[in-house]
Protein backbone atom coordinates (compact mmCIF):
# COMPACT_ATOMS: atom_id res chain seq x y z
CA UNK A 1 90.76 88.63 92.43
CA UNK A 2 89.19 89.97 95.60
CA UNK A 3 86.74 92.82 96.02
CA UNK A 4 86.61 93.52 99.74
CA UNK A 5 84.09 95.61 101.63
CA UNK A 6 85.46 96.30 105.10
CA UNK A 7 82.73 96.73 107.70
CA UNK A 8 82.76 98.94 110.76
CA UNK A 9 80.86 97.27 113.63
CA UNK A 10 77.87 99.57 113.04
CA UNK A 11 77.68 99.10 109.25
CA UNK A 12 75.24 96.80 107.46
CA UNK A 13 75.33 97.58 103.71
CA UNK A 14 72.74 95.97 101.44
CA UNK A 15 74.59 94.77 98.33
CA UNK A 16 73.60 92.12 95.78
CA UNK A 17 74.80 90.94 92.36
CA UNK A 18 72.81 93.02 89.90
CA UNK A 19 70.03 91.14 88.07
CA UNK A 20 69.76 91.27 84.28
CA UNK A 21 66.03 92.00 84.50
CA UNK A 22 64.31 95.37 84.51
CA UNK A 23 60.57 96.00 84.99
CA UNK A 24 60.30 98.11 81.83
CA UNK A 25 61.99 95.34 79.83
CA UNK A 26 59.51 92.83 81.23
CA UNK A 27 56.70 95.08 79.99
CA UNK A 28 57.88 95.28 76.37
CA UNK A 29 55.72 93.21 73.97
CA UNK A 30 56.86 89.59 74.17
CA UNK A 31 59.64 90.92 76.46
CA UNK A 32 61.54 91.74 73.28
CA UNK A 33 63.98 94.05 75.09
CA UNK A 34 65.76 90.96 76.43
CA UNK A 35 66.78 90.10 72.87
CA UNK A 36 69.32 92.91 73.21
CA UNK A 37 72.27 91.15 74.82
CA UNK A 38 74.25 94.38 75.44
CA UNK A 39 71.37 95.58 77.63
CA UNK A 40 71.31 92.32 79.59
CA UNK A 41 75.07 92.32 80.14
CA UNK A 42 75.12 95.97 81.21
CA UNK A 43 72.28 95.38 83.65
CA UNK A 44 74.19 92.60 85.41
CA UNK A 45 77.70 94.08 85.06
CA UNK A 46 78.26 94.79 88.74
CA UNK A 47 76.71 94.88 92.18
CA UNK A 48 73.73 96.94 93.27
CA UNK A 49 73.67 98.85 96.53
CA UNK A 50 70.16 98.98 97.97
CA UNK A 51 68.43 101.67 99.99
CA UNK A 52 68.12 100.77 103.69
CA UNK A 53 64.81 102.64 103.97
CA UNK A 54 61.85 103.97 102.07
CA UNK A 55 61.43 107.73 101.68
CA UNK A 56 60.06 110.54 99.53
CA UNK A 57 62.02 113.61 98.47
CA UNK A 58 61.52 116.81 96.51
CA UNK A 59 63.53 119.88 95.45
CA UNK A 60 62.22 123.44 95.41
CA UNK A 61 65.04 124.75 93.21
CA UNK A 62 67.14 126.40 95.94
CA UNK A 63 70.85 125.74 95.54
CA UNK A 64 71.65 125.34 99.23
CA UNK A 65 70.99 122.23 101.31
CA UNK A 66 67.60 123.52 102.47
CA UNK A 67 66.22 123.15 98.95
CA UNK A 68 65.78 119.39 99.28
CA UNK A 69 63.13 117.94 101.57
CA UNK A 70 63.28 114.29 102.61
CA UNK A 71 60.44 112.46 104.38
CA UNK A 72 61.32 109.05 105.78
CA UNK A 73 58.86 106.18 106.07
CA UNK A 74 57.68 105.32 109.56
CA UNK A 75 60.25 103.26 111.39
CA UNK A 76 63.16 104.26 109.15
CA UNK A 77 66.48 104.74 110.94
CA UNK A 78 67.54 108.38 110.42
CA UNK A 79 71.18 107.40 110.93
CA UNK A 80 71.06 105.31 107.74
CA UNK A 81 68.85 107.65 105.73
CA UNK A 82 69.87 109.86 102.80
CA UNK A 83 70.61 113.53 103.47
CA UNK A 84 70.91 116.83 101.65
CA UNK A 85 74.63 117.42 102.02
CA UNK A 86 75.90 119.30 98.98
CA UNK A 87 72.98 121.48 97.86
CA UNK A 88 72.34 121.89 94.12
CA UNK A 89 69.32 119.58 94.30
CA UNK A 90 71.45 116.58 95.34
CA UNK A 91 70.50 113.86 97.81
CA UNK A 92 73.33 111.82 99.29
CA UNK A 93 73.53 108.22 100.51
CA UNK A 94 76.43 107.32 102.78
CA UNK A 95 77.67 103.92 101.62
CA UNK A 96 78.44 101.74 104.61
CA UNK A 97 81.70 100.07 103.68
CA UNK A 98 85.36 100.73 102.94
CA UNK A 99 86.07 99.03 99.63
CA UNK A 100 89.41 97.56 98.63
CA UNK A 101 90.31 96.44 95.10
CA UNK A 102 93.55 94.83 93.83
CA UNK A 103 96.45 97.18 93.00
CA UNK A 104 95.76 99.22 89.88
CA UNK A 105 91.98 98.70 89.99
CA UNK A 106 89.40 101.43 90.60
CA UNK A 107 85.73 101.16 91.45
CA UNK A 108 83.12 102.75 89.18
CA UNK A 109 80.16 104.06 91.20
CA UNK A 110 76.87 105.22 89.70
CA UNK A 111 73.26 104.26 89.12
CA UNK A 112 72.07 100.87 87.91
CA UNK A 113 72.27 100.76 84.09
CA UNK A 114 68.96 100.99 82.27
CA UNK A 115 66.98 101.66 85.43
CA UNK A 116 65.63 105.20 84.82
CA UNK A 117 63.80 107.19 87.47
CA UNK A 118 61.60 110.17 86.71
CA UNK A 119 62.77 113.63 87.87
CA UNK A 120 66.06 112.48 89.37
CA UNK A 121 69.35 111.21 87.96
CA UNK A 122 72.17 109.20 89.58
CA UNK A 123 75.60 110.78 89.49
CA UNK A 124 78.66 108.70 88.63
CA UNK A 125 82.20 108.61 89.93
CA UNK A 126 85.41 106.59 89.80
CA UNK A 127 87.29 105.97 93.05
CA UNK A 128 90.81 104.59 93.50
CA UNK A 129 89.79 101.94 95.96
CA UNK A 130 93.11 100.08 95.94
CA UNK A 131 94.60 102.57 98.39
CA UNK A 132 91.97 105.05 99.61
CA UNK A 133 91.22 104.88 103.37
CA UNK A 134 88.05 106.94 102.77
CA UNK A 135 84.45 105.89 102.27
CA UNK A 136 82.45 107.39 99.43
CA UNK A 137 78.88 108.54 98.91
CA UNK A 138 76.28 107.80 96.25
CA UNK A 139 74.53 110.92 94.99
CA UNK A 140 71.40 111.61 92.98
CA UNK A 141 70.52 115.01 91.49
CA UNK A 142 67.01 116.22 90.73
CA UNK A 143 66.42 117.03 87.07
CA UNK A 144 63.47 119.31 87.75
CA UNK A 145 61.89 121.12 90.63
CA UNK A 146 58.52 120.60 92.27
CA UNK A 147 58.36 116.92 91.42
CA UNK A 148 58.40 114.49 94.31
CA UNK A 149 60.23 111.20 93.94
CA UNK A 150 59.94 108.02 95.96
CA UNK A 151 62.54 105.40 96.81
CA UNK A 152 61.36 102.12 98.27
CA UNK A 153 63.25 100.24 100.94
CA UNK A 154 65.66 97.83 99.17
CA UNK A 155 65.40 99.75 95.90
CA UNK A 156 68.76 99.96 94.09
CA UNK A 157 70.42 103.33 94.72
CA UNK A 158 73.96 102.53 93.57
CA UNK A 159 75.91 100.28 91.23
CA UNK A 160 79.59 99.35 91.47
CA UNK A 161 82.07 97.44 89.33
CA UNK A 162 85.89 97.35 89.11
CA UNK A 163 87.77 98.92 86.20
CA UNK A 164 91.50 98.81 85.54
CA UNK A 165 92.92 102.26 86.22
CA UNK A 166 95.24 102.73 83.26
CA UNK A 167 93.42 100.64 80.63
CA UNK A 168 91.41 103.44 79.05
CA UNK A 169 94.53 105.61 78.62
CA UNK A 170 96.40 102.76 76.96
CA UNK A 171 94.09 102.75 73.94
CA UNK A 172 95.10 104.61 70.75
CA UNK A 173 91.76 105.43 69.05
CA UNK A 174 91.72 106.13 65.30
CA UNK A 175 89.45 106.01 62.23
CA UNK A 176 90.25 103.70 59.30
CA UNK A 177 88.43 102.62 56.13
CA UNK A 178 86.78 99.26 56.70
CA UNK A 179 88.48 97.98 53.55
CA UNK A 180 91.75 97.99 55.53
CA UNK A 181 90.47 94.90 57.36
CA UNK A 182 89.20 92.42 54.74
CA UNK A 183 87.99 89.99 57.39
CA UNK A 184 85.91 92.68 59.11
CA UNK A 185 84.53 93.84 55.76
CA UNK A 186 83.61 90.30 54.75
CA UNK A 187 81.84 89.65 58.05
CA UNK A 188 79.98 92.96 57.99
CA UNK A 189 78.86 92.50 54.37
CA UNK A 190 77.57 88.98 55.02
CA UNK A 191 75.71 90.19 58.11
CA UNK A 192 74.20 93.18 56.28
CA UNK A 193 72.93 91.00 53.46
CA UNK A 194 71.55 88.40 55.86
CA UNK A 195 69.86 91.14 57.87
CA UNK A 196 68.14 92.60 54.80
CA UNK A 197 66.99 89.15 53.71
CA UNK A 198 65.67 88.39 57.18
CA UNK A 199 63.62 91.60 57.32
CA UNK A 200 62.24 90.96 53.86
CA UNK A 201 61.22 87.43 54.87
CA UNK A 202 59.69 88.75 58.09
CA UNK A 203 57.43 91.12 56.15
CA UNK A 204 56.49 88.40 53.67
CA UNK A 205 56.04 85.53 56.14
CA UNK A 206 55.38 86.84 59.68
CA UNK A 207 56.83 84.31 62.13
CA UNK A 208 54.44 82.36 64.32
CA UNK A 209 56.59 82.37 67.46
CA UNK A 210 58.49 85.19 69.19
CA UNK A 211 61.78 83.29 69.05
CA UNK A 212 61.70 83.42 65.26
CA UNK A 213 61.47 87.21 65.16
CA UNK A 214 65.19 87.84 65.66
CA UNK A 215 68.39 86.37 64.30
CA UNK A 216 70.37 85.80 67.52
CA UNK A 217 73.82 85.90 65.90
CA UNK A 218 75.32 88.39 68.32
CA UNK A 219 73.44 86.83 71.23
CA UNK A 220 75.08 83.48 70.46
CA UNK A 221 78.50 84.98 69.66
CA UNK A 222 78.63 83.64 66.10
CA UNK A 223 78.81 85.02 62.58
CA UNK A 224 76.00 84.51 60.06
CA UNK A 225 77.34 81.04 59.20
CA UNK A 226 77.07 79.98 62.87
CA UNK A 227 80.84 79.98 63.44
CA UNK A 228 81.97 81.07 66.92
CA UNK A 229 84.42 83.98 66.66
CA UNK A 230 85.72 84.09 70.25
CA UNK A 231 86.00 81.59 73.07
CA UNK A 232 84.98 83.86 75.95
CA UNK A 233 81.69 85.25 74.63
CA UNK A 234 79.21 85.97 77.41
CA UNK A 235 75.44 85.75 77.10
CA UNK A 236 75.01 85.90 80.87
CA UNK A 237 77.07 87.14 83.81
CA UNK A 238 77.27 85.21 87.05
CA UNK A 239 78.66 87.49 89.71
CA UNK A 240 79.40 86.18 93.16
CA UNK A 241 77.56 87.60 96.15
CA UNK A 242 79.61 89.24 98.88
CA UNK A 243 80.90 86.51 101.19
CA UNK A 244 79.58 86.94 104.71
CA UNK A 245 81.45 84.05 106.29
CA UNK A 246 83.86 86.35 108.11
CA UNK A 247 81.17 88.63 109.54
CA UNK A 248 78.57 88.20 112.25
CA UNK A 249 75.29 87.55 110.52
CA UNK A 250 71.58 87.08 111.07
CA UNK A 251 70.02 84.66 108.57
CA UNK A 252 67.13 86.43 106.89
CA UNK A 253 64.41 84.49 105.13
CA UNK A 254 63.42 85.81 101.70
CA UNK A 255 61.01 88.57 102.70
CA UNK A 256 58.39 89.29 100.08
CA UNK A 257 59.50 92.92 99.81
CA UNK A 258 63.22 92.22 100.19
CA UNK A 259 65.00 91.56 96.90
CA UNK A 260 68.27 90.88 98.70
CA UNK A 261 67.01 87.32 99.33
CA UNK A 262 70.04 86.36 101.39
CA UNK A 263 71.62 86.58 104.79
CA UNK A 264 72.58 90.11 105.73
CA UNK A 265 75.23 91.25 108.21
CA UNK A 266 74.03 91.68 111.75
CA UNK A 267 72.04 94.88 112.04
CA UNK A 268 73.94 97.63 113.86
CA UNK A 269 72.64 98.73 117.25
CA UNK A 270 71.15 101.85 115.72
CA UNK A 271 68.86 99.73 113.55
CA UNK A 272 67.30 98.52 116.80
CA UNK A 273 66.71 95.13 118.32
CA UNK A 274 63.33 94.99 116.60
CA UNK A 275 64.92 94.42 113.19
CA UNK A 276 67.15 91.67 114.52
CA UNK A 277 64.25 90.02 116.33
CA UNK A 278 62.11 90.14 113.18
CA UNK A 279 64.91 88.57 111.16
CA UNK A 280 65.32 85.86 113.78
CA UNK A 281 61.59 85.11 113.86
CA UNK A 282 61.37 84.95 110.08
CA UNK A 283 64.41 82.70 109.88
CA UNK A 284 62.85 80.33 112.42
CA UNK A 285 59.56 80.20 110.52
CA UNK A 286 61.45 79.52 107.30
CA UNK A 287 63.36 76.71 109.00
CA UNK A 288 60.13 75.24 110.35
CA UNK A 289 58.37 75.28 106.96
CA UNK A 290 61.31 73.62 105.24
CA UNK A 291 61.70 71.04 108.01
CA UNK A 292 57.99 70.16 107.79
CA UNK A 293 58.25 69.79 104.01
CA UNK A 294 61.23 67.44 104.38
CA UNK A 295 59.30 65.37 106.91
CA UNK A 296 56.28 65.09 104.60
CA UNK A 297 58.58 63.79 101.88
CA UNK A 298 59.43 60.75 104.03
CA UNK A 299 56.12 59.18 102.97
CA UNK A 300 55.78 59.18 99.16
CA UNK A 301 52.00 58.96 99.30
CA UNK A 302 51.84 62.00 101.57
CA UNK A 303 53.51 64.16 98.94
CA UNK A 304 51.97 62.59 95.84
CA UNK A 305 49.07 64.29 94.09
CA UNK A 306 46.63 61.43 93.61
CA UNK A 307 43.86 60.92 91.10
CA UNK A 308 40.75 59.75 92.98
CA UNK A 309 37.37 58.60 91.74
CA UNK A 310 34.23 58.22 93.85
CA UNK A 311 35.63 60.11 96.80
CA UNK A 312 33.14 60.59 99.63
CA UNK A 313 32.48 63.92 101.27
CA UNK A 314 34.03 62.84 104.57
CA UNK A 315 37.15 61.34 103.01
CA UNK A 316 37.72 64.46 100.95
CA UNK A 317 37.41 66.58 104.08
CA UNK A 318 39.66 64.43 106.27
CA UNK A 319 42.29 63.42 103.72
CA UNK A 320 42.57 66.50 101.52
CA UNK A 321 40.63 69.63 102.50
CA UNK A 322 41.51 69.82 106.20
CA UNK A 323 45.21 68.83 105.79
CA UNK A 324 45.58 71.17 102.79
CA UNK A 325 46.64 68.42 100.37
CA UNK A 326 45.93 68.63 96.61
CA UNK A 327 44.03 65.91 94.79
CA UNK A 328 42.61 65.41 91.30
CA UNK A 329 38.99 64.25 91.38
CA UNK A 330 37.87 62.18 88.40
CA UNK A 331 34.39 61.23 87.28
CA UNK A 332 32.60 63.98 89.22
CA UNK A 333 31.63 65.78 85.99
CA UNK A 334 31.00 62.69 83.87
CA UNK A 335 27.31 63.48 83.36
CA UNK A 336 27.72 67.18 82.63
CA UNK A 337 26.46 67.99 79.10
CA UNK A 338 29.06 70.75 78.80
CA UNK A 339 31.88 68.24 78.36
CA UNK A 340 30.44 67.16 75.01
CA UNK A 341 28.62 70.32 73.92
CA UNK A 342 30.96 73.21 74.61
CA UNK A 343 32.66 73.78 71.30
CA UNK A 344 33.41 77.38 70.28
CA UNK A 345 30.55 77.26 67.76
CA UNK A 346 28.06 75.93 70.29
CA UNK A 347 29.02 78.50 72.90
CA UNK A 348 28.72 81.32 70.34
CA UNK A 349 25.27 80.11 69.35
CA UNK A 350 24.01 79.86 72.94
CA UNK A 351 25.45 83.12 74.27
CA UNK A 352 25.28 85.11 71.04
CA UNK A 353 26.31 88.73 71.13
CA UNK A 354 25.84 89.28 74.83
CA UNK A 355 28.50 91.70 76.14
CA UNK A 356 31.35 90.14 78.12
CA UNK A 357 34.42 91.58 79.84
CA UNK A 358 37.81 89.98 79.29
CA UNK A 359 41.52 90.73 79.52
CA UNK A 360 43.00 92.09 76.29
CA UNK A 361 46.42 93.20 75.11
CA UNK A 362 48.20 90.79 77.45
CA UNK A 363 51.04 90.26 74.97
CA UNK A 364 51.94 93.94 75.26
CA UNK A 365 52.72 93.73 78.96
CA UNK A 366 54.68 91.28 81.06
CA UNK A 367 52.69 92.56 84.03
CA UNK A 368 49.24 91.70 82.67
CA UNK A 369 48.12 89.68 85.67
CA UNK A 370 49.04 92.31 88.25
CA UNK A 371 47.52 95.09 86.16
CA UNK A 372 44.26 93.34 85.32
CA UNK A 373 42.17 96.50 85.40
CA UNK A 374 44.25 98.19 82.71
CA UNK A 375 43.66 95.22 80.39
CA UNK A 376 39.90 94.97 80.91
CA UNK A 377 37.80 95.49 77.78
CA UNK A 378 34.27 94.59 76.70
CA UNK A 379 32.99 93.09 73.46
CA UNK A 380 30.12 90.90 72.22
CA UNK A 381 30.74 87.28 73.21
CA UNK A 382 30.69 86.04 69.62
CA UNK A 383 33.31 88.64 68.67
CA UNK A 384 35.47 87.50 71.58
CA UNK A 385 35.14 83.86 70.51
CA UNK A 386 36.08 84.70 66.92
CA UNK A 387 39.10 86.58 68.25
CA UNK A 388 40.44 83.67 70.29
CA UNK A 389 39.66 81.15 67.53
CA UNK A 390 42.14 82.70 65.13
CA UNK A 391 45.30 80.67 64.50
CA UNK A 392 48.05 81.61 66.91
CA UNK A 393 45.77 83.70 69.13
CA UNK A 394 47.93 82.83 72.14
CA UNK A 395 47.83 84.74 75.42
CA UNK A 396 46.60 88.10 74.14
CA UNK A 397 42.89 87.76 75.03
CA UNK A 398 41.50 85.74 77.93
CA UNK A 399 38.16 85.69 79.75
CA UNK A 400 39.08 85.03 83.38
CA UNK A 401 37.56 84.61 86.82
CA UNK A 402 38.34 88.26 87.45
CA UNK A 403 35.50 89.08 85.04
CA UNK A 404 32.94 86.74 86.64
CA UNK A 405 30.63 89.31 88.18
CA UNK A 406 30.46 91.36 85.00
CA UNK A 407 29.80 88.28 82.88
CA UNK A 408 27.22 86.50 85.04
CA UNK A 409 24.26 87.64 82.97
CA UNK A 410 25.77 87.08 79.52
CA UNK A 411 27.07 83.59 80.32
CA UNK A 412 23.95 82.47 82.22
CA UNK A 413 22.60 80.45 79.22
CA UNK A 414 25.60 78.10 79.55
CA UNK A 415 25.03 77.15 83.17
CA UNK A 416 22.25 74.70 82.34
CA UNK A 417 24.92 72.48 80.75
CA UNK A 418 26.70 72.12 84.10
CA UNK A 419 25.94 69.84 86.99
CA UNK A 420 26.34 70.31 90.73
CA UNK A 421 29.07 69.22 93.10
CA UNK A 422 26.86 68.80 96.17
CA UNK A 423 29.33 66.49 97.91
CA UNK A 424 31.78 69.33 98.23
CA UNK A 425 30.15 72.69 97.45
CA UNK A 426 27.19 74.76 98.56
CA UNK A 427 24.38 75.29 96.06
CA UNK A 428 24.58 78.37 93.79
CA UNK A 429 22.80 81.40 95.18
CA UNK A 430 21.29 84.32 93.33
CA UNK A 431 23.56 87.31 92.94
CA UNK A 432 26.70 85.37 93.87
CA UNK A 433 28.40 84.25 90.63
CA UNK A 434 31.32 82.76 92.54
CA UNK A 435 28.98 80.14 94.02
CA UNK A 436 27.98 79.09 90.53
CA UNK A 437 31.61 78.97 89.51
CA UNK A 438 33.95 81.41 87.80
CA UNK A 439 34.60 80.78 84.14
CA UNK A 440 37.89 80.96 82.20
CA UNK A 441 37.75 80.84 78.39
CA UNK A 442 40.80 81.11 76.17
CA UNK A 443 42.81 79.58 73.32
CA UNK A 444 45.96 77.49 73.47
CA UNK A 445 48.76 79.48 75.02
CA UNK A 446 46.80 81.47 77.57
CA UNK A 447 48.90 81.73 80.69
CA UNK A 448 48.39 82.64 84.33
CA UNK A 449 51.71 83.50 86.03
CA UNK A 450 52.97 81.95 89.24
CA UNK A 451 50.88 83.03 92.23
CA UNK A 452 48.94 81.71 95.20
CA UNK A 453 45.32 82.32 96.18
CA UNK A 454 43.85 83.36 99.52
CA UNK A 455 41.21 80.61 99.33
CA UNK A 456 40.95 76.90 98.72
CA UNK A 457 39.97 76.31 95.07
CA UNK A 458 38.51 73.73 92.76
CA UNK A 459 39.85 74.00 89.19
CA UNK A 460 37.30 72.11 87.07
CA UNK A 461 38.50 71.44 83.53
CA UNK A 462 35.47 71.31 81.24
CA UNK A 463 36.98 71.64 77.74
CA UNK A 464 40.55 71.21 76.54
CA UNK A 465 43.69 70.52 78.54
CA UNK A 466 45.77 72.66 80.88
CA UNK A 467 49.25 72.24 82.23
CA UNK A 468 49.71 73.30 85.84
CA UNK A 469 52.93 73.78 87.79
CA UNK A 470 52.21 73.51 91.50
CA UNK A 471 54.25 74.09 94.67
CA UNK A 472 53.32 73.71 98.35
CA UNK A 473 52.48 76.77 100.41
CA UNK A 474 55.49 75.92 102.57
CA UNK A 475 57.78 76.76 99.65
CA UNK A 476 56.97 80.48 99.91
CA UNK A 477 60.56 81.20 100.99
CA UNK A 478 61.90 79.66 97.79
CA UNK A 479 59.46 81.30 95.38
CA UNK A 480 60.34 84.98 95.84
CA UNK A 481 56.94 86.40 96.81
CA UNK A 482 57.51 90.08 96.05
CA UNK A 483 54.02 91.62 96.01
CA UNK A 484 50.60 90.49 97.28
CA UNK A 485 50.11 86.91 96.00
CA UNK A 486 52.63 87.12 93.16
CA UNK A 487 56.19 85.95 92.65
CA UNK A 488 59.12 87.73 91.04
CA UNK A 489 59.26 84.55 88.95
CA UNK A 490 56.35 84.81 86.55
CA UNK A 491 57.06 81.58 84.67
CA UNK A 492 59.00 78.68 86.17
CA UNK A 493 59.67 77.41 82.63
CA UNK A 494 60.96 80.69 81.20
CA UNK A 495 64.28 79.89 79.44
CA UNK A 496 65.46 83.39 80.37
CA UNK A 497 64.97 82.72 84.08
CA UNK A 498 68.08 83.84 85.96
CA UNK A 499 68.62 80.78 88.13
CA UNK A 500 71.73 82.28 89.67
CA UNK A 501 69.65 85.18 90.96
CA UNK A 502 66.83 82.90 92.11
CA UNK A 503 69.13 80.35 93.70
CA UNK A 504 66.68 79.19 96.38
CA UNK A 505 64.29 77.98 93.69
CA UNK A 506 66.55 74.98 93.07
CA UNK A 507 65.41 73.22 96.23
CA UNK A 508 61.68 73.84 95.82
CA UNK A 509 59.26 70.91 95.54
CA UNK A 510 57.40 71.38 92.24
CA UNK A 511 54.63 69.33 90.66
CA UNK A 512 53.85 69.19 86.94
CA UNK A 513 50.25 68.21 86.14
CA UNK A 514 48.05 68.06 83.06
CA UNK A 515 44.30 68.45 83.61
CA UNK A 516 42.12 66.56 81.14
CA UNK A 517 38.46 67.35 80.42
CA UNK A 518 36.42 66.15 83.40
CA UNK A 519 39.28 66.52 85.92
CA UNK A 520 38.87 68.67 89.03
CA UNK A 521 42.04 69.77 90.82
CA UNK A 522 41.75 70.77 94.47
CA UNK A 523 44.30 73.54 95.12
CA UNK A 524 44.64 74.18 98.85
CA UNK A 525 44.96 77.62 100.38
CA UNK A 526 48.23 79.39 99.49
CA UNK A 527 49.58 76.64 97.24
CA UNK A 528 51.56 78.23 94.41
CA UNK A 529 50.54 77.51 90.85
CA UNK A 530 50.91 78.68 87.26
CA UNK A 531 48.59 77.56 84.48
CA UNK A 532 48.97 77.28 80.70
CA UNK A 533 46.31 76.16 78.21
CA UNK A 534 47.45 73.40 75.88
CA UNK A 535 44.39 73.80 73.61
CA UNK A 536 41.18 75.81 73.48
CA UNK A 537 40.06 75.63 77.05
CA UNK A 538 37.08 76.29 79.28
CA UNK A 539 37.72 76.03 83.01
CA UNK A 540 35.51 76.77 85.99
CA UNK A 541 36.90 77.55 89.42
CA UNK A 542 34.91 77.21 92.64
CA UNK A 543 35.53 78.51 96.15
CA UNK A 544 32.10 77.86 97.77
CA UNK A 545 33.05 74.80 99.78
CA UNK A 546 30.85 73.29 102.46
CA UNK A 547 33.55 74.07 105.02
CA UNK A 548 35.12 77.37 106.09
CA UNK A 549 37.10 79.04 103.31
CA UNK A 550 37.50 82.57 104.62
CA UNK A 551 41.25 82.92 105.25
CA UNK A 552 41.27 86.01 103.03
CA UNK A 553 39.28 87.87 105.70
CA UNK A 554 42.24 87.76 108.07
CA UNK A 555 44.96 88.38 105.48
CA UNK A 556 47.14 91.20 106.92
CA UNK A 557 45.94 94.55 105.58
CA UNK A 558 49.49 95.79 105.10
CA UNK A 559 50.07 93.02 102.53
CA UNK A 560 46.83 93.45 100.62
CA UNK A 561 48.14 95.90 98.03
CA UNK A 562 51.85 95.18 98.15
C-alpha cells in the first residue's frame, strides 16, 4: 500500500522512519527499558516529522494568541517556523505536505510515543487522508505557565501512522471469565508459575549477565515452553523511508546534528540558497572522502594495520604519523618493569591509600562517557582497586585519562616502573601529566564508546588485553557523529543496534584489533575507535609527540560543546 506525501514546489518536509531508541531508555541501568518490546514497537510504529528550525517558546497563561512567545534561532526561516495560531497556550507547526492514504485509511497524527517533554504536551488527531484536499497542523499545548521550552532543529515534533477507519468500530468488546477459554487459562497459569519461579531464582542466585535478568518469552513471541504462537510476531519494525525518486533533491551528507541522515527534497526558495549551497558542499566533501577511501583500498598494505618492531623515528614519521595511518608498535616497552610488576596487589602496595578520582556508576547511565563530570568520584586508591577486583565488576568503575590531572600525585610512585619513548615522544615535564602519559585502570568489561579524538594518540597496553574497533577518519559520514566527538552508535557490537536506521554503517571500513601487553597502537587524528577490556587492564595514552599535534586548537568553536 502507498502512503503519499504530495509536495508543493516550496515544501520540504523533514520526515524519517521513527527509531526504536529513546535517550531516557538508553540511560536506564543496563538499558533495561529496551527489554520491554511493546515500548520498542510503539517507538518505531510510524514516521517522525522533524522541526525545520531550533527555537524557544514560553506561555504566560493568556488564552489568546499573544500569550505564547516564540524566539527563533539565528538563521531560522520564519516562513517554516511554528506560530501561535489558536491561543490556549498552543504552538502550531504547519506540516508541509498533502498526505494521501488508500481508501478507508486515516492518518493518526500526534507526538512521538514515549518521548516526553517537560512543560508541553503534543496534541493528537485523526485525519481522513484518503480524500481530504487539506493540509493539517501539528500542535503542542503548554502544561504550565512561565516555563520556557526548547526545540532543537531536527527534533521530532510529530508522529504519523495509518489506521483503518472502521476497524475500531467493528470490535465488540466484552468481559468474560478466563475459564471460558481453557487454552488462554492454561497459558496464563504456566506463565504465572514460571514468572514466580524466575523471580525466586533471581533473588536466590543473582544472574551474572544482564541478558539473564529477564525471561524474553513475549519478546521472542513464544509461550513458556518455547513454542511460537503466531507466525507474524514482530520484535522489530522496518518502515520504509519516503521515496524521493520522483522529487528534485539535493543529496545531504549525514550532518552531525541532523538525524535525518538522508537526502532531503530540494530546499524551497524561502530557505535560501545558502542552505542548498551548504548541502552541495557537504555532499561533495562526503563524496571525496569516500572516493579517497576506495582508492586507498586498492593497495592492501595501504589499508592494513601492521605490527612493526624496531621502527625508526623517521620511518614512523614518514610512513605512519604524517600520512595518518595506524600501526601497532611491538617491543618498544619490552624493558619496562611495569609489564611484569603491575598486578592489582603490587599497585595497591605502591600507591596505598592515596586519593584518586575515577568514573563511577557507569552502569546506571548509557550516557556515561558524555556525562563524565556527573560520574566523577574520589576514593582511596586501594579501595578503588578492591572495588574493581570483585568478580563481575564490569564497566561500573573506571579510572580514565579524564582523571589524569587529579591523579598525577597519587599515581606518581608507579611512574618509575615505566620507560621512555624518546624515539617518538617528548620527555615528561613537571606539571604536565599528559606528557608522562594518561593512565586507564579497570577490570574486564570496561568500555569506552565509539568516538574520535582531536589529537594523534599512542595507546600503550601495559597490563591485560583490550579489544579495539577502529574506523578511518574518512568514515565520519557513515558513523553518525551527532555531538562533539561522539557517535549516535555507542557500541558497534550492540545486538540491539538498529541497522535499518543506521543504514550507512554497512559500508564503513572497520578494523578489529586486540592489544596485548607491550603493544602500542598509534591512533591518528580523528580515527574512530571504541575500546573494551578483555581482562584487568592498565593502559597509558600519550599525545606528546615530537611533531605538531595541536589540531584541537583549531577545532571549530561551534562544535566544541555540541
